[in-house]
């Protein structure tokens, strides 16, 4: 039985030992939300929900680019180093870009994912 309050399945899918909140609590609001939407993309329903989550992630990344709020990246980088999943290489790679400050690269990667997953 899934616990949608304390341990939602859609926020624990990238790694079995780390939940989304373990990383996002070390980011600022904008980047934390971007990671949250990227982390859960594809885990809450059909393709349209996945595309919607990816677009929300981009929205928060663009908001960060226009109104950056600085934070100490070291704790987030330490949590990121604990992620061990090899099943979700795409999400891990994009989250790593976000945590390390490569926001434009992350936006491009998510845009490509949207383009590849959108119905023609």
PDB file of N, CA and C in Angstrom:
ATOM      1  N   UNK A   1       0.832  -1.180   0.000  1.00  0.00           N
ATOM      2  CA  UNK A   1       0.000   0.000   0.000  1.00  0.00           C
ATOM      3  C   UNK A   1       0.878   1.246   0.000  1.00  0.00           C
ATOM      4  N   UNK A   2       0.574   2.182  -0.842  1.00  0.00           N
ATOM      5  CA  UNK A   2       1.352   3.402  -0.972  1.00  0.00           C
ATOM      6  C   UNK A   2       0.923   4.427   0.073  1.00  0.00           C
ATOM      7  N   UNK A   3       1.887   5.179   0.583  1.00  0.00           N
ATOM      8  CA  UNK A   3       1.627   6.239   1.549  1.00  0.00           C
ATOM      9  C   UNK A   3       1.828   7.575   0.836  1.00  0.00           C
ATOM     10  N   UNK A   4       0.745   8.130   0.296  1.00  0.00           N
ATOM     11  CA  UNK A   4       0.838   9.352  -0.498  1.00  0.00           C
ATOM     12  C   UNK A   4       1.117  10.602   0.319  1.00  0.00           C
ATOM     13  N   UNK A   5       1.114  10.511   1.633  1.00  0.00           N
ATOM     14  CA  UNK A   5       1.439  11.661   2.471  1.00  0.00           C
ATOM     15  C   UNK A   5       2.908  11.648   2.865  1.00  0.00           C
ATOM     16  N   UNK A   6       3.369  10.572   3.465  1.00  0.00           N
ATOM     17  CA  UNK A   6       4.730  10.520   4.002  1.00  0.00           C
ATOM     18  C   UNK A   6       5.778  10.041   3.007  1.00  0.00           C
ATOM     19  N   UNK A   7       5.408   9.158   2.103  1.00  0.00           N
ATOM     20  CA  UNK A   7       6.371   8.604   1.142  1.00  0.00           C
ATOM     21  C   UNK A   7       5.696   8.334  -0.196  1.00  0.00           C
ATOM     22  N   UNK A   8       5.296   9.413  -0.922  1.00  0.00           N
ATOM     23  CA  UNK A   8       4.619   9.196  -2.204  1.00  0.00           C
ATOM     24  C   UNK A   8       5.526   8.461  -3.197  1.00  0.00           C
ATOM     25  N   UNK A   9       4.978   7.468  -3.854  1.00  0.00           N
ATOM     26  CA  UNK A   9       5.754   6.673  -4.806  1.00  0.00           C
ATOM     27  C   UNK A   9       6.328   7.518  -5.930  1.00  0.00           C
ATOM     28  N   UNK A  10       5.600   8.554  -6.358  1.00  0.00           N
ATOM     29  CA  UNK A  10       6.074   9.367  -7.483  1.00  0.00           C
ATOM     30  C   UNK A  10       7.253  10.271  -7.099  1.00  0.00           C
ATOM     31  N   UNK A  11       7.607  10.339  -5.817  1.00  0.00           N
ATOM     32  CA  UNK A  11       8.789  11.095  -5.394  1.00  0.00           C
ATOM     33  C   UNK A  11       9.911  10.191  -4.918  1.00  0.00           C
ATOM     34  N   UNK A  12       9.771   8.899  -5.084  1.00  0.00           N
ATOM     35  CA  UNK A  12      10.825   7.993  -4.642  1.00  0.00           C
ATOM     36  C   UNK A  12      11.331   7.109  -5.770  1.00  0.00           C
ATOM     37  N   UNK A  13      11.031   7.456  -6.996  1.00  0.00           N
ATOM     38  CA  UNK A  13      11.320   6.569  -8.118  1.00  0.00           C
ATOM     39  C   UNK A  13      12.720   6.582  -8.675  1.00  0.00           C
ATOM     40  N   UNK A  14      13.487   7.639  -8.477  1.00  0.00           N
ATOM     41  CA  UNK A  14      14.812   7.697  -9.087  1.00  0.00           C
ATOM     42  C   UNK A  14      15.789   6.813  -8.340  1.00  0.00           C
ATOM     43  N   UNK A  15      15.683   6.754  -7.043  1.00  0.00           N
ATOM     44  CA  UNK A  15      16.627   6.015  -6.220  1.00  0.00           C
ATOM     45  C   UNK A  15      15.847   5.368  -5.091  1.00  0.00           C
ATOM     46  N   UNK A  16      16.204   4.182  -4.719  1.00  0.00           N
ATOM     47  CA  UNK A  16      15.461   3.502  -3.666  1.00  0.00           C
ATOM     48  C   UNK A  16      15.861   3.961  -2.275  1.00  0.00           C
ATOM     49  N   UNK A  17      16.985   4.625  -2.140  1.00  0.00           N
ATOM     50  CA  UNK A  17      17.456   5.044  -0.821  1.00  0.00           C
ATOM     51  C   UNK A  17      17.219   6.525  -0.553  1.00  0.00           C
ATOM     52  N   UNK A  18      17.018   7.314  -1.588  1.00  0.00           N
ATOM     53  CA  UNK A  18      16.870   8.764  -1.461  1.00  0.00           C
ATOM     54  C   UNK A  18      15.502   9.152  -2.011  1.00  0.00           C
ATOM     55  N   UNK A  19      14.774   9.961  -1.273  1.00  0.00           N
ATOM     56  CA  UNK A  19      13.528  10.524  -1.787  1.00  0.00           C
ATOM     57  C   UNK A  19      13.800  11.932  -2.288  1.00  0.00           C
ATOM     58  N   UNK A  20      12.918  12.423  -3.101  1.00  0.00           N
ATOM     59  CA  UNK A  20      13.057  13.749  -3.694  1.00  0.00           C
ATOM     60  C   UNK A  20      13.337  14.817  -2.632  1.00  0.00           C
ATOM     61  N   UNK A  21      12.608  14.783  -1.532  1.00  0.00           N
ATOM     62  CA  UNK A  21      12.752  15.809  -0.498  1.00  0.00           C
ATOM     63  C   UNK A  21      14.147  15.805   0.130  1.00  0.00           C
ATOM     64  N   UNK A  22      14.814  14.652   0.134  1.00  0.00           N
ATOM     65  CA  UNK A  22      16.166  14.586   0.685  1.00  0.00           C
ATOM     66  C   UNK A  22      17.121  15.501  -0.075  1.00  0.00           C
ATOM     67  N   UNK A  23      16.833  15.726  -1.341  1.00  0.00           N
ATOM     68  CA  UNK A  23      17.647  16.632  -2.154  1.00  0.00           C
ATOM     69  C   UNK A  23      17.064  18.042  -2.187  1.00  0.00           C
ATOM     70  N   UNK A  24      15.760  18.156  -2.419  1.00  0.00           N
ATOM     71  CA  UNK A  24      15.175  19.483  -2.635  1.00  0.00           C
ATOM     72  C   UNK A  24      15.225  20.368  -1.396  1.00  0.00           C
ATOM     73  N   UNK A  25      15.275  19.793  -0.210  1.00  0.00           N
ATOM     74  CA  UNK A  25      15.354  20.629   0.994  1.00  0.00           C
ATOM     75  C   UNK A  25      16.674  21.394   1.066  1.00  0.00           C
ATOM     76  N   UNK A  26      17.643  21.047   0.225  1.00  0.00           N
ATOM     77  CA  UNK A  26      18.935  21.734   0.208  1.00  0.00           C
ATOM     78  C   UNK A  26      19.070  22.724  -0.952  1.00  0.00           C
ATOM     79  N   UNK A  27      18.012  22.862  -1.724  1.00  0.00           N
ATOM     80  CA  UNK A  27      18.016  23.793  -2.852  1.00  0.00           C
ATOM     81  C   UNK A  27      17.158  25.001  -2.509  1.00  0.00           C
ATOM     82  N   UNK A  28      17.245  26.047  -3.330  1.00  0.00           N
ATOM     83  CA  UNK A  28      16.314  27.152  -3.120  1.00  0.00           C
ATOM     84  C   UNK A  28      14.937  26.745  -3.671  1.00  0.00           C
ATOM     85  N   UNK A  29      13.948  27.601  -3.466  1.00  0.00           N
ATOM     86  CA  UNK A  29      12.570  27.275  -3.842  1.00  0.00           C
ATOM     87  C   UNK A  29      12.436  26.942  -5.325  1.00  0.00           C
ATOM     88  N   UNK A  30      13.007  27.791  -6.188  1.00  0.00           N
ATOM     89  CA  UNK A  30      12.840  27.596  -7.625  1.00  0.00           C
ATOM     90  C   UNK A  30      13.478  26.291  -8.098  1.00  0.00           C
ATOM     91  N   UNK A  31      14.724  26.066  -7.712  1.00  0.00           N
ATOM     92  CA  UNK A  31      15.416  24.858  -8.167  1.00  0.00           C
ATOM     93  C   UNK A  31      14.839  23.614  -7.506  1.00  0.00           C
ATOM     94  N   UNK A  32      14.406  23.737  -6.263  1.00  0.00           N
ATOM     95  CA  UNK A  32      13.766  22.608  -5.595  1.00  0.00           C
ATOM     96  C   UNK A  32      12.501  22.183  -6.311  1.00  0.00           C
ATOM     97  N   UNK A  33      11.703  23.152  -6.723  1.00  0.00           N
ATOM     98  CA  UNK A  33      10.480  22.820  -7.466  1.00  0.00           C
ATOM     99  C   UNK A  33      10.809  22.233  -8.825  1.00  0.00           C
ATOM    100  N   UNK A  34      11.814  22.766  -9.501  1.00  0.00           N
ATOM    101  CA  UNK A  34      12.207  22.213 -10.801  1.00  0.00           C
ATOM    102  C   UNK A  34      12.611  20.747 -10.651  1.00  0.00           C
ATOM    103  N   UNK A  35      13.421  20.461  -9.645  1.00  0.00           N
ATOM    104  CA  UNK A  35      13.848  19.076  -9.410  1.00  0.00           C
ATOM    105  C   UNK A  35      12.640  18.204  -9.061  1.00  0.00           C
ATOM    106  N   UNK A  36      11.732  18.723  -8.240  1.00  0.00           N
ATOM    107  CA  UNK A  36      10.537  17.966  -7.853  1.00  0.00           C
ATOM    108  C   UNK A  36       9.735  17.557  -9.093  1.00  0.00           C
ATOM    109  N   UNK A  37       9.488  18.510  -9.986  1.00  0.00           N
ATOM    110  CA  UNK A  37       8.689  18.189 -11.176  1.00  0.00           C
ATOM    111  C   UNK A  37       9.435  17.246 -12.111  1.00  0.00           C
ATOM    112  N   UNK A  38      10.733  17.415 -12.231  1.00  0.00           N
ATOM    113  CA  UNK A  38      11.517  16.507 -13.062  1.00  0.00           C
ATOM    114  C   UNK A  38      11.521  15.106 -12.448  1.00  0.00           C
ATOM    115  N   UNK A  39      11.681  15.035 -11.144  1.00  0.00           N
ATOM    116  CA  UNK A  39      11.752  13.751 -10.437  1.00  0.00           C
ATOM    117  C   UNK A  39      10.467  12.945 -10.625  1.00  0.00           C
ATOM    118  N   UNK A  40       9.320  13.627 -10.568  1.00  0.00           N
ATOM    119  CA  UNK A  40       8.055  12.890 -10.640  1.00  0.00           C
ATOM    120  C   UNK A  40       7.516  12.739 -12.060  1.00  0.00           C
ATOM    121  N   UNK A  41       8.125  13.396 -13.028  1.00  0.00           N
ATOM    122  CA  UNK A  41       7.637  13.333 -14.410  1.00  0.00           C
ATOM    123  C   UNK A  41       7.548  11.881 -14.874  1.00  0.00           C
ATOM    124  N   UNK A  42       6.377  11.520 -15.382  1.00  0.00           N
ATOM    125  CA  UNK A  42       6.157  10.170 -15.877  1.00  0.00           C
ATOM    126  C   UNK A  42       5.720   9.181 -14.815  1.00  0.00           C
ATOM    127  N   UNK A  43       5.602   9.629 -13.570  1.00  0.00           N
ATOM    128  CA  UNK A  43       5.233   8.721 -12.491  1.00  0.00           C
ATOM    129  C   UNK A  43       3.843   9.006 -11.925  1.00  0.00           C
ATOM    130  N   UNK A  44       3.122   9.955 -12.540  1.00  0.00           N
ATOM    131  CA  UNK A  44       1.810  10.313 -12.004  1.00  0.00           C
ATOM    132  C   UNK A  44       0.682  10.109 -13.015  1.00  0.00           C
ATOM    133  N   UNK A  45       0.944   9.388 -14.071  1.00  0.00           N
ATOM    134  CA  UNK A  45      -0.143   9.165 -15.010  1.00  0.00           C
ATOM    135  C   UNK A  45       0.347   9.051 -16.439  1.00  0.00           C
ATOM    136  N   UNK A  46      -0.439   9.570 -17.345  1.00  0.00           N
ATOM    137  CA  UNK A  46      -0.174   9.419 -18.774  1.00  0.00           C
ATOM    138  C   UNK A  46       0.878  10.406 -19.283  1.00  0.00           C
ATOM    139  N   UNK A  47       1.143  10.326 -20.573  1.00  0.00           N
ATOM    140  CA  UNK A  47       2.161  11.178 -21.207  1.00  0.00           C
ATOM    141  C   UNK A  47       1.856  12.658 -21.050  1.00  0.00           C
ATOM    142  N   UNK A  48       0.576  13.052 -21.094  1.00  0.00           N
ATOM    143  CA  UNK A  48       0.250  14.475 -20.977  1.00  0.00           C
ATOM    144  C   UNK A  48       0.644  15.005 -19.605  1.00  0.00           C
ATOM    145  N   UNK A  49       0.504  14.198 -18.560  1.00  0.00           N
ATOM    146  CA  UNK A  49       0.943  14.604 -17.213  1.00  0.00           C
ATOM    147  C   UNK A  49       2.466  14.715 -17.155  1.00  0.00           C
ATOM    148  N   UNK A  50       3.146  13.796 -17.826  1.00  0.00           N
ATOM    149  CA  UNK A  50       4.611  13.842 -17.859  1.00  0.00           C
ATOM    150  C   UNK A  50       5.085  15.127 -18.531  1.00  0.00           C
ATOM    151  N   UNK A  51       4.502  15.448 -19.684  1.00  0.00           N
ATOM    152  CA  UNK A  51       4.870  16.668 -20.409  1.00  0.00           C
ATOM    153  C   UNK A  51       4.569  17.889 -19.555  1.00  0.00           C
ATOM    154  N   UNK A  52       3.431  17.884 -18.876  1.00  0.00           N
ATOM    155  CA  UNK A  52       3.065  19.008 -18.001  1.00  0.00           C
ATOM    156  C   UNK A  52       4.097  19.191 -16.886  1.00  0.00           C
ATOM    157  N   UNK A  53       4.526  18.100 -16.249  1.00  0.00           N
ATOM    158  CA  UNK A  53       5.539  18.198 -15.195  1.00  0.00           C
ATOM    159  C   UNK A  53       6.865  18.716 -15.745  1.00  0.00           C
ATOM    160  N   UNK A  54       7.248  18.258 -16.930  1.00  0.00           N
ATOM    161  CA  UNK A  54       8.498  18.732 -17.540  1.00  0.00           C
ATOM    162  C   UNK A  54       8.416  20.220 -17.863  1.00  0.00           C
ATOM    163  N   UNK A  55       7.266  20.673 -18.341  1.00  0.00           N
ATOM    164  CA  UNK A  55       7.090  22.102 -18.632  1.00  0.00           C
ATOM    165  C   UNK A  55       7.125  22.932 -17.350  1.00  0.00           C
ATOM    166  N   UNK A  56       6.571  22.394 -16.263  1.00  0.00           N
ATOM    167  CA  UNK A  56       6.635  23.098 -14.980  1.00  0.00           C
ATOM    168  C   UNK A  56       8.082  23.203 -14.504  1.00  0.00           C
ATOM    169  N   UNK A  57       8.859  22.150 -14.702  1.00  0.00           N
ATOM    170  CA  UNK A  57      10.277  22.190 -14.327  1.00  0.00           C
ATOM    171  C   UNK A  57      10.992  23.300 -15.087  1.00  0.00           C
ATOM    172  N   UNK A  58      10.726  23.397 -16.376  1.00  0.00           N
ATOM    173  CA  UNK A  58      11.340  24.455 -17.180  1.00  0.00           C
ATOM    174  C   UNK A  58      10.904  25.828 -16.685  1.00  0.00           C
ATOM    175  N   UNK A  59       9.627  25.970 -16.330  1.00  0.00           N
ATOM    176  CA  UNK A  59       9.128  27.256 -15.844  1.00  0.00           C
ATOM    177  C   UNK A  59       9.932  27.718 -14.623  1.00  0.00           C
ATOM    178  N   UNK A  60      10.144  26.810 -13.671  1.00  0.00           N
ATOM    179  CA  UNK A  60      10.906  27.174 -12.470  1.00  0.00           C
ATOM    180  C   UNK A  60      12.373  27.451 -12.785  1.00  0.00           C
ATOM    181  N   UNK A  61      12.947  26.729 -13.731  1.00  0.00           N
ATOM    182  CA  UNK A  61      14.331  26.996 -14.115  1.00  0.00           C
ATOM    183  C   UNK A  61      14.468  28.363 -14.778  1.00  0.00           C
ATOM    184  N   UNK A  62      13.531  28.706 -15.636  1.00  0.00           N
ATOM    185  CA  UNK A  62      13.558  30.033 -16.270  1.00  0.00           C
ATOM    186  C   UNK A  62      13.322  31.132 -15.247  1.00  0.00           C
ATOM    187  N   UNK A  63      12.453  30.883 -14.278  1.00  0.00           N
ATOM    188  CA  UNK A  63      12.231  31.856 -13.209  1.00  0.00           C
ATOM    189  C   UNK A  63      13.526  32.069 -12.418  1.00  0.00           C
ATOM    190  N   UNK A  64      14.241  30.988 -12.154  1.00  0.00           N
ATOM    191  CA  UNK A  64      15.530  31.099 -11.459  1.00  0.00           C
ATOM    192  C   UNK A  64      16.508  31.927 -12.295  1.00  0.00           C
ATOM    193  N   UNK A  65      16.530  31.701 -13.599  1.00  0.00           N
ATOM    194  CA  UNK A  65      17.446  32.469 -14.465  1.00  0.00           C
ATOM    195  C   UNK A  65      17.148  33.964 -14.421  1.00  0.00           C
ATOM    196  N   UNK A  66      15.885  34.340 -14.270  1.00  0.00           N
ATOM    197  CA  UNK A  66      15.533  35.766 -14.250  1.00  0.00           C
ATOM    198  C   UNK A  66      15.609  36.366 -12.854  1.00  0.00           C
ATOM    199  N   UNK A  67      15.450  35.538 -11.826  1.00  0.00           N
ATOM    200  CA  UNK A  67      15.500  36.008 -10.432  1.00  0.00           C
ATOM    201  C   UNK A  67      16.295  35.018  -9.589  1.00  0.00           C
ATOM    202  N   UNK A  68      17.590  34.920  -9.816  1.00  0.00           N
ATOM    203  CA  UNK A  68      18.368  33.913  -9.088  1.00  0.00           C
ATOM    204  C   UNK A  68      18.412  34.202  -7.587  1.00  0.00           C
ATOM    205  N   UNK A  69      18.217  33.165  -6.819  1.00  0.00           N
ATOM    206  CA  UNK A  69      18.342  33.236  -5.369  1.00  0.00           C
ATOM    207  C   UNK A  69      19.486  32.296  -5.002  1.00  0.00           C
ATOM    208  N   UNK A  70      20.537  32.867  -4.464  1.00  0.00           N
ATOM    209  CA  UNK A  70      21.720  32.066  -4.154  1.00  0.00           C
ATOM    210  C   UNK A  70      21.484  31.173  -2.938  1.00  0.00           C
ATOM    211  N   UNK A  71      22.224  30.105  -2.876  1.00  0.00           N
ATOM    212  CA  UNK A  71      22.165  29.153  -1.767  1.00  0.00           C
ATOM    213  C   UNK A  71      23.469  28.378  -1.763  1.00  0.00           C
ATOM    214  N   UNK A  72      23.734  27.680  -0.699  1.00  0.00           N
ATOM    215  CA  UNK A  72      24.935  26.863  -0.577  1.00  0.00           C
ATOM    216  C   UNK A  72      24.694  25.535  -1.293  1.00  0.00           C
ATOM    217  N   UNK A  73      25.388  25.303  -2.395  1.00  0.00           N
ATOM    218  CA  UNK A  73      25.192  24.093  -3.195  1.00  0.00           C
ATOM    219  C   UNK A  73      25.789  22.837  -2.558  1.00  0.00           C
ATOM    220  N   UNK A  74      26.719  23.002  -1.639  1.00  0.00           N
ATOM    221  CA  UNK A  74      27.456  21.850  -1.091  1.00  0.00           C
ATOM    222  C   UNK A  74      26.550  20.777  -0.489  1.00  0.00           C
ATOM    223  N   UNK A  75      25.553  21.119   0.352  1.00  0.00           N
ATOM    224  CA  UNK A  75      24.703  20.051   0.887  1.00  0.00           C
ATOM    225  C   UNK A  75      23.918  19.308  -0.196  1.00  0.00           C
ATOM    226  N   UNK A  76      23.415  20.039  -1.185  1.00  0.00           N
ATOM    227  CA  UNK A  76      22.678  19.395  -2.281  1.00  0.00           C
ATOM    228  C   UNK A  76      23.609  18.490  -3.083  1.00  0.00           C
ATOM    229  N   UNK A  77      24.836  18.938  -3.311  1.00  0.00           N
ATOM    230  CA  UNK A  77      25.795  18.110  -4.046  1.00  0.00           C
ATOM    231  C   UNK A  77      26.134  16.840  -3.271  1.00  0.00           C
ATOM    232  N   UNK A  78      26.192  16.943  -1.934  1.00  0.00           N
ATOM    233  CA  UNK A  78      26.474  15.765  -1.111  1.00  0.00           C
ATOM    234  C   UNK A  78      25.344  14.744  -1.213  1.00  0.00           C
ATOM    235  N   UNK A  79      24.096  15.204  -1.183  1.00  0.00           N
ATOM    236  CA  UNK A  79      22.955  14.293  -1.324  1.00  0.00           C
ATOM    237  C   UNK A  79      22.950  13.699  -2.726  1.00  0.00           C
ATOM    238  N   UNK A  80      23.207  14.519  -3.726  1.00  0.00           N
ATOM    239  CA  UNK A  80      23.229  14.040  -5.110  1.00  0.00           C
ATOM    240  C   UNK A  80      24.253  12.923  -5.283  1.00  0.00           C
ATOM    241  N   UNK A  81      25.365  13.030  -4.588  1.00  0.00           N
ATOM    242  CA  UNK A  81      26.405  12.003  -4.687  1.00  0.00           C
ATOM    243  C   UNK A  81      25.927  10.655  -4.141  1.00  0.00           C
ATOM    244  N   UNK A  82      24.885  10.667  -3.322  1.00  0.00           N
ATOM    245  CA  UNK A  82      24.351   9.427  -2.756  1.00  0.00           C
ATOM    246  C   UNK A  82      23.407   8.692  -3.697  1.00  0.00           C
ATOM    247  N   UNK A  83      22.905   9.385  -4.711  1.00  0.00           N
ATOM    248  CA  UNK A  83      21.992   8.736  -5.656  1.00  0.00           C
ATOM    249  C   UNK A  83      22.737   7.628  -6.388  1.00  0.00           C
ATOM    250  N   UNK A  84      22.139   6.459  -6.419  1.00  0.00           N
ATOM    251  CA  UNK A  84      22.836   5.313  -7.001  1.00  0.00           C
ATOM    252  C   UNK A  84      22.100   4.668  -8.166  1.00  0.00           C
ATOM    253  N   UNK A  85      20.885   5.114  -8.461  1.00  0.00           N
ATOM    254  CA  UNK A  85      20.089   4.443  -9.479  1.00  0.00           C
ATOM    255  C   UNK A  85      20.726   4.553 -10.857  1.00  0.00           C
ATOM    256  N   UNK A  86      20.722   3.452 -11.555  1.00  0.00           N
ATOM    257  CA  UNK A  86      21.198   3.450 -12.936  1.00  0.00           C
ATOM    258  C   UNK A  86      20.023   3.338 -13.898  1.00  0.00           C
ATOM    259  N   UNK A  87      18.809   3.164 -13.362  1.00  0.00           N
ATOM    260  CA  UNK A  87      17.627   2.994 -14.194  1.00  0.00           C
ATOM    261  C   UNK A  87      17.106   4.302 -14.768  1.00  0.00           C
ATOM    262  N   UNK A  88      17.414   5.410 -14.135  1.00  0.00           N
ATOM    263  CA  UNK A  88      16.880   6.701 -14.554  1.00  0.00           C
ATOM    264  C   UNK A  88      18.014   7.672 -14.860  1.00  0.00           C
ATOM    265  N   UNK A  89      18.852   7.296 -15.786  1.00  0.00           N
ATOM    266  CA  UNK A  89      20.030   8.101 -16.102  1.00  0.00           C
ATOM    267  C   UNK A  89      19.664   9.496 -16.583  1.00  0.00           C
ATOM    268  N   UNK A  90      18.583   9.627 -17.335  1.00  0.00           N
ATOM    269  CA  UNK A  90      18.169  10.939 -17.841  1.00  0.00           C
ATOM    270  C   UNK A  90      17.859  11.885 -16.688  1.00  0.00           C
ATOM    271  N   UNK A  91      16.980  11.454 -15.776  1.00  0.00           N
ATOM    272  CA  UNK A  91      16.603  12.320 -14.664  1.00  0.00           C
ATOM    273  C   UNK A  91      17.809  12.682 -13.817  1.00  0.00           C
ATOM    274  N   UNK A  92      18.629  11.695 -13.515  1.00  0.00           N
ATOM    275  CA  UNK A  92      19.819  11.945 -12.710  1.00  0.00           C
ATOM    276  C   UNK A  92      20.742  12.962 -13.378  1.00  0.00           C
ATOM    277  N   UNK A  93      20.954  12.804 -14.674  1.00  0.00           N
ATOM    278  CA  UNK A  93      21.846  13.717 -15.394  1.00  0.00           C
ATOM    279  C   UNK A  93      21.311  15.150 -15.384  1.00  0.00           C
ATOM    280  N   UNK A  94      20.009  15.316 -15.588  1.00  0.00           N
ATOM    281  CA  UNK A  94      19.429  16.663 -15.603  1.00  0.00           C
ATOM    282  C   UNK A  94      19.429  17.255 -14.200  1.00  0.00           C
ATOM    283  N   UNK A  95      19.114  16.454 -13.202  1.00  0.00           N
ATOM    284  CA  UNK A  95      19.155  16.952 -11.820  1.00  0.00           C
ATOM    285  C   UNK A  95      20.576  17.363 -11.453  1.00  0.00           C
ATOM    286  N   UNK A  96      21.554  16.604 -11.891  1.00  0.00           N
ATOM    287  CA  UNK A  96      22.962  16.969 -11.644  1.00  0.00           C
ATOM    288  C   UNK A  96      23.288  18.310 -12.293  1.00  0.00           C
ATOM    289  N   UNK A  97      22.791  18.550 -13.499  1.00  0.00           N
ATOM    290  CA  UNK A  97      22.997  19.854 -14.140  1.00  0.00           C
ATOM    291  C   UNK A  97      22.403  20.968 -13.283  1.00  0.00           C
ATOM    292  N   UNK A  98      21.193  20.756 -12.788  1.00  0.00           N
ATOM    293  CA  UNK A  98      20.515  21.776 -11.979  1.00  0.00           C
ATOM    294  C   UNK A  98      21.297  22.057 -10.697  1.00  0.00           C
ATOM    295  N   UNK A  99      21.640  21.017  -9.973  1.00  0.00           N
ATOM    296  CA  UNK A  99      22.337  21.187  -8.692  1.00  0.00           C
ATOM    297  C   UNK A  99      23.677  21.882  -8.882  1.00  0.00           C
ATOM    298  N   UNK A 100      24.340  21.604  -9.986  1.00  0.00           N
ATOM    299  CA  UNK A 100      25.654  22.200 -10.229  1.00  0.00           C
ATOM    300  C   UNK A 100      25.601  23.544 -10.944  1.00  0.00           C
ATOM    301  N   UNK A 101      24.390  24.058 -11.201  1.00  0.00           N
ATOM    302  CA  UNK A 101      24.247  25.406 -11.730  1.00  0.00           C
ATOM    303  C   UNK A 101      24.205  25.546 -13.237  1.00  0.00           C
ATOM    304  N   UNK A 102      24.079  24.454 -13.959  1.00  0.00           N
ATOM    305  CA  UNK A 102      24.025  24.507 -15.422  1.00  0.00           C
ATOM    306  C   UNK A 102      22.558  24.546 -15.870  1.00  0.00           C
ATOM    307  N   UNK A 103      21.905  25.634 -15.544  1.00  0.00           N
ATOM    308  CA  UNK A 103      20.464  25.759 -15.716  1.00  0.00           C
ATOM    309  C   UNK A 103      20.063  25.741 -17.195  1.00  0.00           C
ATOM    310  N   UNK A 104      20.766  26.498 -18.034  1.00  0.00           N
ATOM    311  CA  UNK A 104      20.431  26.516 -19.462  1.00  0.00           C
ATOM    312  C   UNK A 104      20.585  25.131 -20.094  1.00  0.00           C
ATOM    313  N   UNK A 105      21.605  24.402 -19.697  1.00  0.00           N
ATOM    314  CA  UNK A 105      21.788  23.040 -20.215  1.00  0.00           C
ATOM    315  C   UNK A 105      20.644  22.138 -19.768  1.00  0.00           C
ATOM    316  N   UNK A 106      20.194  22.309 -18.523  1.00  0.00           N
ATOM    317  CA  UNK A 106      19.077  21.513 -18.018  1.00  0.00           C
ATOM    318  C   UNK A 106      17.806  21.829 -18.797  1.00  0.00           C
ATOM    319  N   UNK A 107      17.565  23.113 -19.064  1.00  0.00           N
ATOM    320  CA  UNK A 107      16.384  23.509 -19.838  1.00  0.00           C
ATOM    321  C   UNK A 107      16.420  22.862 -21.218  1.00  0.00           C
ATOM    322  N   UNK A 108      17.574  22.892 -21.876  1.00  0.00           N
ATOM    323  CA  UNK A 108      17.708  22.276 -23.210  1.00  0.00           C
ATOM    324  C   UNK A 108      17.437  20.772 -23.154  1.00  0.00           C
ATOM    325  N   UNK A 109      17.943  20.114 -22.126  1.00  0.00           N
ATOM    326  CA  UNK A 109      17.735  18.666 -21.998  1.00  0.00           C
ATOM    327  C   UNK A 109      16.258  18.345 -21.789  1.00  0.00           C
ATOM    328  N   UNK A 110      15.587  19.142 -20.960  1.00  0.00           N
ATOM    329  CA  UNK A 110      14.163  18.906 -20.721  1.00  0.00           C
ATOM    330  C   UNK A 110      13.354  19.228 -21.976  1.00  0.00           C
ATOM    331  N   UNK A 111      13.707  20.306 -22.671  1.00  0.00           N
ATOM    332  CA  UNK A 111      13.034  20.646 -23.935  1.00  0.00           C
ATOM    333  C   UNK A 111      13.131  19.488 -24.924  1.00  0.00           C
ATOM    334  N   UNK A 112      14.322  18.882 -25.022  1.00  0.00           N
ATOM    335  CA  UNK A 112      14.492  17.744 -25.921  1.00  0.00           C
ATOM    336  C   UNK A 112      13.594  16.579 -25.504  1.00  0.00           C
ATOM    337  N   UNK A 113      13.478  16.342 -24.213  1.00  0.00           N
ATOM    338  CA  UNK A 113      12.627  15.256 -23.720  1.00  0.00           C
ATOM    339  C   UNK A 113      11.165  15.515 -24.063  1.00  0.00           C
ATOM    340  N   UNK A 114      10.724  16.781 -23.912  1.00  0.00           N
ATOM    341  CA  UNK A 114       9.355  17.132 -24.263  1.00  0.00           C
ATOM    342  C   UNK A 114       9.109  16.898 -25.749  1.00  0.00           C
ATOM    343  N   UNK A 115      10.034  17.343 -26.575  1.00  0.00           N
ATOM    344  CA  UNK A 115       9.902  17.195 -28.020  1.00  0.00           C
ATOM    345  C   UNK A 115       9.838  15.725 -28.419  1.00  0.00           C
ATOM    346  N   UNK A 116      10.656  14.911 -27.787  1.00  0.00           N
ATOM    347  CA  UNK A 116      10.676  13.480 -28.118  1.00  0.00           C
ATOM    348  C   UNK A 116       9.419  12.753 -27.633  1.00  0.00           C
ATOM    349  N   UNK A 117       8.802  13.232 -26.566  1.00  0.00           N
ATOM    350  CA  UNK A 117       7.635  12.561 -25.984  1.00  0.00           C
ATOM    351  C   UNK A 117       6.305  13.134 -26.433  1.00  0.00           C
ATOM    352  N   UNK A 118       6.324  14.281 -27.105  1.00  0.00           N
ATOM    353  CA  UNK A 118       5.062  14.901 -27.522  1.00  0.00           C
ATOM    354  C   UNK A 118       4.479  14.167 -28.714  1.00  0.00           C
ATOM    355  N   UNK A 119       3.165  13.991 -28.711  1.00  0.00           N
ATOM    356  CA  UNK A 119       2.532  13.366 -29.878  1.00  0.00           C
ATOM    357  C   UNK A 119       2.648  14.295 -31.094  1.00  0.00           C
ATOM    358  N   UNK A 120       2.840  13.697 -32.229  1.00  0.00           N
ATOM    359  CA  UNK A 120       3.004  14.497 -33.467  1.00  0.00           C
ATOM    360  C   UNK A 120       1.695  15.054 -33.946  1.00  0.00           C
TER     361      UNK A 120
END
